[in-house]
Protein backbone atom coordinates (compact mmCIF):
# COMPACT_ATOMS: atom_id res chain seq x y z
CA MET A 1 0.00 0.00 0.00
CA ILE A 2 1.19 3.51 -0.85
CA LYS A 3 1.27 5.76 2.21
CA PRO A 4 0.42 9.45 1.80
CA LYS A 5 2.45 12.28 3.28
CA ARG A 6 1.45 13.26 6.80
CA LEU A 7 -0.08 16.65 7.38
CA LYS A 8 1.70 19.71 8.72
CA GLN A 9 0.61 23.24 9.49
CA GLY A 10 0.00 25.27 6.36
CA ASP A 11 -1.08 22.29 4.25
CA ARG A 12 -4.10 22.64 1.98
CA VAL A 13 -7.14 20.45 2.57
CA ALA A 14 -9.87 20.12 -0.05
CA VAL A 15 -13.51 19.59 0.96
CA VAL A 16 -15.56 17.34 -1.33
CA SER A 17 -19.25 16.39 -1.29
CA LEU A 18 -19.20 12.90 -2.76
CA SER A 19 -22.59 11.77 -1.45
CA TRP A 20 -25.18 13.99 0.26
CA GLY A 21 -24.70 17.67 -0.59
CA GLY A 22 -26.33 19.20 2.49
CA LEU A 23 -23.19 21.07 3.51
CA GLY A 24 -24.06 23.72 0.94
CA ASP A 25 -27.76 24.08 1.82
CA PRO A 26 -28.66 27.56 3.15
CA ASP A 27 -29.88 26.25 6.51
CA LEU A 28 -26.76 24.12 7.03
CA ILE A 29 -23.94 26.20 5.55
CA HIS A 30 -23.12 27.42 9.06
CA LYS A 31 -21.74 23.94 9.76
CA PHE A 32 -19.15 24.47 7.02
CA HIS A 33 -18.08 27.80 8.50
CA ILE A 34 -17.66 26.22 11.95
CA ALA A 35 -15.57 23.40 10.48
CA LYS A 36 -13.46 25.71 8.33
CA GLU A 37 -12.59 27.93 11.26
CA ARG A 38 -11.75 24.92 13.42
CA LEU A 39 -9.54 23.31 10.78
CA GLU A 40 -7.70 26.58 10.29
CA LYS A 41 -7.33 27.67 13.92
CA ASP A 42 -6.95 24.33 15.70
CA PHE A 43 -4.96 22.45 13.07
CA GLY A 44 -3.30 25.19 11.04
CA LEU A 45 -4.71 23.96 7.73
CA GLU A 46 -5.80 25.96 4.70
CA VAL A 47 -9.30 24.89 3.70
CA ILE A 48 -10.51 25.04 0.13
CA CYS A 49 -13.74 23.77 -1.38
CA MET A 50 -13.82 21.91 -4.64
CA PRO A 51 -16.10 23.56 -7.24
CA HIS A 52 -19.27 21.60 -6.50
CA ALA A 53 -18.89 20.83 -2.80
CA LEU A 54 -21.20 23.63 -1.67
CA LYS A 55 -23.72 23.54 -4.51
CA GLY A 56 -26.43 22.15 -2.24
CA SER A 57 -28.14 18.82 -1.80
CA GLU A 58 -30.37 18.94 -4.89
CA PHE A 59 -27.58 19.88 -7.30
CA VAL A 60 -25.13 17.40 -5.82
CA ALA A 61 -27.70 14.59 -5.95
CA ASN A 62 -28.30 15.22 -9.64
CA HIS A 63 -24.63 15.27 -10.66
CA PRO A 64 -22.59 12.25 -9.55
CA GLU A 65 -20.22 12.92 -12.43
CA LEU A 66 -19.36 16.35 -10.99
CA ARG A 67 -18.85 14.90 -7.53
CA ALA A 68 -16.35 12.48 -9.05
CA ARG A 69 -14.73 15.29 -11.02
CA ASP A 70 -14.15 17.18 -7.77
CA LEU A 71 -12.44 14.15 -6.29
CA MET A 72 -10.28 13.56 -9.36
CA GLU A 73 -9.25 17.19 -9.59
CA ALA A 74 -8.42 17.27 -5.88
CA PHE A 75 -6.12 14.28 -6.26
CA ALA A 76 -4.55 15.55 -9.48
CA ASP A 77 -3.75 18.93 -7.91
CA ASP A 78 -0.36 18.57 -6.23
CA SER A 79 -0.90 21.75 -4.24
CA ILE A 80 -3.63 19.93 -2.29
CA ASP A 81 -2.32 17.76 0.55
CA ALA A 82 -5.51 16.04 1.79
CA VAL A 83 -9.12 15.46 0.87
CA PHE A 84 -11.83 15.50 3.55
CA CYS A 85 -15.41 14.36 2.92
CA ALA A 86 -18.20 16.77 3.74
CA ILE A 87 -20.39 13.96 5.06
CA GLY A 88 -21.74 10.58 4.03
CA GLY A 89 -25.11 9.84 2.47
CA ASP A 90 -26.42 6.94 0.41
CA ASP A 91 -25.32 7.15 -3.22
CA THR A 92 -21.55 7.56 -3.49
CA ILE A 93 -21.63 4.37 -5.56
CA ARG A 94 -23.08 6.45 -8.43
CA THR A 95 -19.72 8.19 -8.82
CA LEU A 96 -17.88 4.92 -9.52
CA PRO A 97 -18.09 5.06 -13.36
CA TYR A 98 -16.28 8.40 -13.33
CA ILE A 99 -13.31 7.43 -11.14
CA ASP A 100 -9.77 7.09 -12.51
CA LEU A 101 -7.76 4.84 -10.20
CA GLU A 102 -4.51 5.81 -11.86
CA VAL A 103 -4.98 9.47 -10.86
CA ILE A 104 -5.36 8.41 -7.23
CA ARG A 105 -2.42 6.01 -7.42
CA SER A 106 -0.16 8.59 -9.04
CA HIS A 107 -1.01 11.38 -6.60
CA PRO A 108 -1.39 9.73 -3.18
CA LYS A 109 -2.66 11.97 -0.41
CA ILE A 110 -4.67 11.70 2.77
CA PHE A 111 -8.34 10.91 2.14
CA MET A 112 -10.75 10.85 5.08
CA GLY A 113 -14.44 10.24 5.69
CA TYR A 114 -16.78 7.51 6.92
CA SER A 115 -20.26 6.04 6.46
CA ASP A 116 -21.16 6.13 2.73
CA SER A 117 -17.55 7.15 2.14
CA THR A 118 -16.85 3.44 2.60
CA ILE A 119 -17.25 3.36 -1.20
CA ASN A 120 -14.46 5.90 -1.60
CA HIS A 121 -12.23 3.98 0.78
CA LEU A 122 -12.71 0.81 -1.23
CA ILE A 123 -11.78 2.86 -4.31
CA MET A 124 -8.62 4.03 -2.54
CA TYR A 125 -7.85 0.46 -1.49
CA ARG A 126 -8.28 -0.73 -5.08
CA ALA A 127 -5.87 2.03 -6.15
CA GLY A 128 -3.41 0.80 -3.51
CA VAL A 129 -3.41 3.96 -1.38
CA VAL A 130 -3.83 4.05 2.41
CA SER A 131 -6.92 6.04 3.43
CA PHE A 132 -8.49 7.03 6.74
CA TYR A 133 -11.89 6.03 8.10
CA GLY A 134 -12.51 9.04 10.28
CA PRO A 135 -14.08 12.45 10.90
CA SER A 136 -16.13 14.32 8.31
CA VAL A 137 -16.33 18.07 7.84
CA MET A 138 -20.02 18.47 8.63
CA CYS A 139 -20.21 16.18 11.64
CA GLU A 140 -17.00 16.06 13.67
CA PHE A 141 -15.13 19.16 12.47
CA GLY A 142 -18.42 21.08 12.38
CA GLU A 143 -19.49 19.97 15.86
CA TYR A 144 -21.29 22.63 17.87
CA VAL A 145 -19.41 24.29 20.78
CA ASN A 146 -16.37 22.00 20.79
CA MET A 147 -14.82 19.19 18.84
CA PHE A 148 -14.52 16.10 21.03
CA ASP A 149 -11.02 15.85 22.53
CA TYR A 150 -10.84 12.15 21.64
CA THR A 151 -11.43 12.95 17.98
CA LYS A 152 -9.17 15.98 17.94
CA ASN A 153 -6.33 13.95 19.44
CA ALA A 154 -6.89 11.19 16.89
CA VAL A 155 -6.53 13.67 14.03
CA ARG A 156 -3.28 15.00 15.44
CA ASP A 157 -1.91 11.56 16.26
CA ILE A 158 -2.86 9.74 13.06
CA LEU A 159 -2.64 12.45 10.39
CA PHE A 160 0.07 14.76 11.72
CA SER A 161 2.42 12.59 13.79
CA GLU A 162 5.13 10.01 13.18
CA TRP A 163 5.42 6.83 15.27
CA GLU A 164 6.27 3.14 14.97
CA ARG A 165 3.44 1.71 17.11
CA TYR A 166 0.19 3.31 18.20
CA ASP A 167 -2.26 2.02 20.78
CA LEU A 168 -5.85 2.73 19.81
CA LEU A 169 -7.38 3.41 23.21
CA PRO A 170 -11.09 3.39 24.03
CA SER A 171 -12.72 6.72 24.78
CA PRO A 172 -13.46 7.09 28.50
CA GLN A 173 -16.59 9.09 27.69
CA TRP A 174 -19.33 9.04 25.07
CA SER A 175 -22.52 10.89 24.19
CA ALA A 176 -25.96 9.66 23.20
CA ASP A 177 -27.20 13.18 22.40
CA TYR A 178 -28.89 14.14 19.19
CA ILE A 179 -28.63 17.89 18.72
CA PRO A 180 -30.60 19.10 15.67
CA TRP A 181 -28.54 20.95 13.10
CA GLN A 182 -29.87 24.48 13.26
CA GLU A 183 -28.17 27.74 14.11
CA ASP A 184 -30.19 28.11 17.30
CA ASN A 185 -28.22 25.17 18.69
CA ILE A 186 -24.68 26.33 17.97
CA ASN A 187 -24.11 26.97 21.69
CA THR A 188 -25.63 23.65 22.82
CA PRO A 189 -22.95 21.22 24.01
CA HIS A 190 -23.18 17.44 24.12
CA ALA A 191 -23.86 15.84 27.47
CA MET A 192 -21.12 13.31 28.14
CA GLN A 193 -21.30 10.13 30.18
CA GLU A 194 -18.78 7.57 31.34
CA ASP A 195 -18.25 4.57 29.10
CA VAL A 196 -18.69 1.60 31.40
CA HIS A 197 -17.81 -1.04 28.80
CA GLY A 198 -14.38 -0.28 27.36
CA TYR A 199 -13.36 -2.79 24.73
CA GLU A 200 -15.41 -5.97 25.06
CA ILE A 201 -13.83 -9.19 23.83
CA ILE A 202 -16.78 -11.28 22.68
CA SER A 203 -14.71 -14.00 21.03
CA GLY A 204 -11.10 -15.10 20.78
CA GLY A 205 -10.07 -16.11 24.30
CA ASP A 206 -6.52 -14.92 25.00
CA ARG A 207 -5.35 -14.90 21.39
CA VAL A 208 -3.05 -12.31 19.81
CA VAL A 209 -3.42 -11.81 16.05
CA GLN A 210 -2.13 -9.43 13.40
CA GLY A 211 -3.58 -8.37 10.06
CA HIS A 212 -4.22 -5.50 7.69
CA LEU A 213 -7.23 -3.26 8.37
CA LEU A 214 -10.13 -3.45 5.93
CA GLY A 215 -13.84 -2.73 6.30
CA GLY A 216 -16.33 0.10 6.75
CA CYS A 217 -20.04 0.70 7.30
CA ILE A 218 -22.02 -2.50 6.77
CA ASP A 219 -25.04 -0.52 5.55
CA VAL A 220 -22.93 0.33 2.51
CA PHE A 221 -21.45 -3.11 1.83
CA LEU A 222 -24.46 -4.22 -0.22
CA MET A 223 -23.84 -1.44 -2.76
CA ALA A 224 -20.18 -2.45 -3.17
CA ILE A 225 -20.42 -6.25 -3.23
CA GLY A 226 -20.05 -7.53 -6.80
CA THR A 227 -18.48 -4.34 -8.13
CA GLU A 228 -14.88 -3.87 -9.25
CA ILE A 229 -13.95 -2.24 -5.93
CA TRP A 230 -15.13 -5.04 -3.62
CA PRO A 231 -11.98 -6.78 -2.33
CA SER A 232 -11.30 -10.28 -3.58
CA LEU A 233 -11.16 -13.20 -1.17
CA GLU A 234 -7.38 -13.12 -1.48
CA GLU A 235 -7.38 -9.47 -0.38
CA TRP A 236 -9.52 -10.35 2.64
CA LYS A 237 -7.07 -13.10 3.63
CA ASP A 238 -5.35 -12.28 6.94
CA ALA A 239 -7.27 -8.99 7.26
CA VAL A 240 -8.67 -7.44 10.42
CA LEU A 241 -12.24 -6.64 9.41
CA PHE A 242 -13.66 -3.48 10.96
CA ILE A 243 -17.42 -2.92 10.76
CA GLU A 244 -19.93 -0.41 12.11
CA THR A 245 -23.57 0.56 11.65
CA SER A 246 -25.04 3.86 10.50
CA GLU A 247 -27.34 6.43 12.08
CA ASP A 248 -30.23 4.49 10.54
CA LYS A 249 -29.60 1.96 13.31
CA PRO A 250 -30.17 -1.17 11.20
CA SER A 251 -31.90 -4.07 12.89
CA PRO A 252 -29.95 -6.92 14.48
CA GLN A 253 -31.45 -9.11 11.75
CA PHE A 254 -29.76 -6.92 9.14
CA VAL A 255 -26.44 -7.44 10.92
CA THR A 256 -27.10 -11.19 10.87
CA TRP A 257 -27.85 -11.15 7.15
CA THR A 258 -24.75 -9.08 6.36
CA LEU A 259 -22.47 -11.38 8.33
CA ARG A 260 -24.04 -14.40 6.64
CA ASN A 261 -23.20 -12.83 3.29
CA LEU A 262 -19.58 -12.34 4.38
CA ALA A 263 -19.55 -15.95 5.53
CA ALA A 264 -20.98 -17.13 2.20
CA GLN A 265 -18.20 -15.26 0.38
CA GLY A 266 -15.67 -17.11 2.52
CA ILE A 267 -14.47 -13.90 4.14
CA LEU A 268 -15.10 -14.83 7.77
CA ASN A 269 -12.98 -17.94 7.34
CA VAL A 270 -9.88 -16.12 6.07
CA ILE A 271 -9.72 -13.00 8.27
CA LYS A 272 -7.66 -12.72 11.47
CA GLY A 273 -10.15 -10.78 13.59
CA ILE A 274 -13.02 -8.27 13.74
CA LEU A 275 -13.38 -4.77 15.20
CA VAL A 276 -16.97 -3.67 15.81
CA GLY A 277 -17.75 0.03 16.23
CA LYS A 278 -19.83 1.34 19.10
CA PRO A 279 -23.43 1.62 17.82
CA GLN A 280 -24.70 5.19 17.66
CA SER A 281 -26.43 6.03 20.96
CA GLU A 282 -25.72 2.38 21.88
CA ALA A 283 -28.84 1.36 19.94
CA TYR A 284 -29.16 -2.45 19.82
CA TYR A 285 -25.95 -2.63 21.87
CA GLU A 286 -26.62 -6.08 23.30
CA GLU A 287 -28.68 -7.32 20.35
CA TYR A 288 -25.86 -6.71 17.87
CA LYS A 289 -23.53 -8.79 20.03
CA VAL A 290 -26.02 -11.66 19.99
CA ALA A 291 -26.26 -11.45 16.18
CA ILE A 292 -22.48 -11.45 15.78
CA ILE A 293 -21.96 -14.39 18.12
CA GLN A 294 -24.75 -16.32 16.40
CA VAL A 295 -23.23 -16.06 12.92
CA VAL A 296 -19.51 -16.11 13.70
CA GLY A 297 -19.66 -18.63 16.51
CA GLN A 298 -22.76 -20.80 16.37
CA GLU A 299 -23.23 -20.90 12.61
CA GLU A 300 -19.63 -20.74 11.36
CA GLY A 301 -17.91 -22.35 14.34
CA LEU A 302 -15.29 -19.61 14.52
CA TYR A 303 -15.25 -19.40 18.30
CA SER A 304 -11.55 -18.57 18.40
CA LEU A 305 -11.81 -15.60 16.00
CA PRO A 306 -10.92 -12.46 18.00
CA ILE A 307 -13.78 -9.96 18.06
CA PHE A 308 -13.42 -6.57 19.76
CA TYR A 309 -16.70 -4.78 20.46
CA ASN A 310 -17.45 -1.13 21.35
CA VAL A 311 -14.57 0.43 19.40
CA ASN A 312 -14.79 4.19 18.83
CA PHE A 313 -15.11 4.67 15.09
CA GLY A 314 -17.96 5.40 12.69
CA HIS A 315 -21.25 6.90 13.80
CA ALA A 316 -20.76 6.97 17.57
CA LYS A 317 -19.68 10.04 19.53
CA PRO A 318 -16.75 10.49 19.81
CA ILE A 319 -14.79 8.67 17.10
CA GLY A 320 -11.19 8.02 16.24
CA ILE A 321 -9.53 7.07 12.95
CA ILE A 322 -8.97 3.64 11.37
CA PRO A 323 -6.36 3.62 8.55
CA TYR A 324 -7.06 1.20 5.70
CA GLY A 325 -4.44 -1.35 4.78
CA ILE A 326 -1.92 -0.97 7.59
CA GLN A 327 -1.02 -3.80 9.96
CA ALA A 328 -2.73 -3.94 13.33
CA GLU A 329 -2.51 -6.24 16.33
CA LEU A 330 -5.43 -7.43 18.46
CA ASP A 331 -4.45 -8.69 21.91
CA CYS A 332 -7.49 -10.30 23.47
CA LYS A 333 -5.91 -10.97 26.87
CA ASN A 334 -4.80 -7.38 27.39
CA LYS A 335 -7.73 -5.87 25.43
CA THR A 336 -5.43 -3.78 23.26
CA ILE A 337 -5.59 -2.66 19.63
CA THR A 338 -2.25 -1.55 18.24
CA PHE A 339 -1.36 -0.09 14.87
CA LEU A 340 1.97 -1.67 13.98
CA GLU A 341 3.05 0.84 11.34
CA CYS A 342 2.62 4.54 10.76
CA PRO A 343 0.06 5.12 7.97
CA THR A 344 1.81 8.24 6.66
CA VAL A 345 5.31 9.13 5.49
């Protein structure tokens, strides 16, 4: 995998709307201004918007080819050091016909987003470039009042810093709040509560395993399976699969069905372990565990496969960053997740 250059103060970051275009809607544009100021003041970055990023949800929905053009131009422009997704959505897959993998491969740079951006990450993985499953402009960088410290530290540690090993620690606090996106709420902070779970090891005993990180939002998997960007079984071999669920809070039955599909593809039998993101607002917290244990353990007999539950990535609050393609270690006995190589150069 090609590793992009790490960020430094003064670098230019491009904002793209590759799925939902709400960042440019008149009633939501204030979220962009919050995020822009935060990226500039807290991280020392220069923020630019690609030509169609702020055109609004209706325009963006009608022009997947222009969304893709923004992404291609951002990668081709060597004065741009990173590309951050505005937010997720539900139709990034429509941009796939307009993507040039060679442009991405020839101009590697940090790409970050989550949720429907799973499609983009699979594109990056197909191009052979490390990407980052992490904060979006509209949600985390545009958070009202303050950006969560856990997320802010993750950005600095993963995108700006150099290291040989990195322990991905659980967040000691989390929030179940839903604060409507309207300007009247810009001074409304999230109520935080103690996380009483930490990392839960729901399978694997005392095993220690290593593998490359690969995964995303399972709500999006269905749109990718069978396309040119879905990883082959060989690419899944020895991977650490990371999965999470969206704000739609899919049913435990949906989780069961998705895992059965991964089992039918042979994926569950060739991976080294699984990381499961904290469900948003802890919806179906226990029920998801039951579904996972049913498929992985009872149905597939993979009782020794290490499974870490309640990991802070995806749609929960707060979230960290999971880099695609780098080696990670899961230590079930000590309940530790360690990145074994720096994802940037």
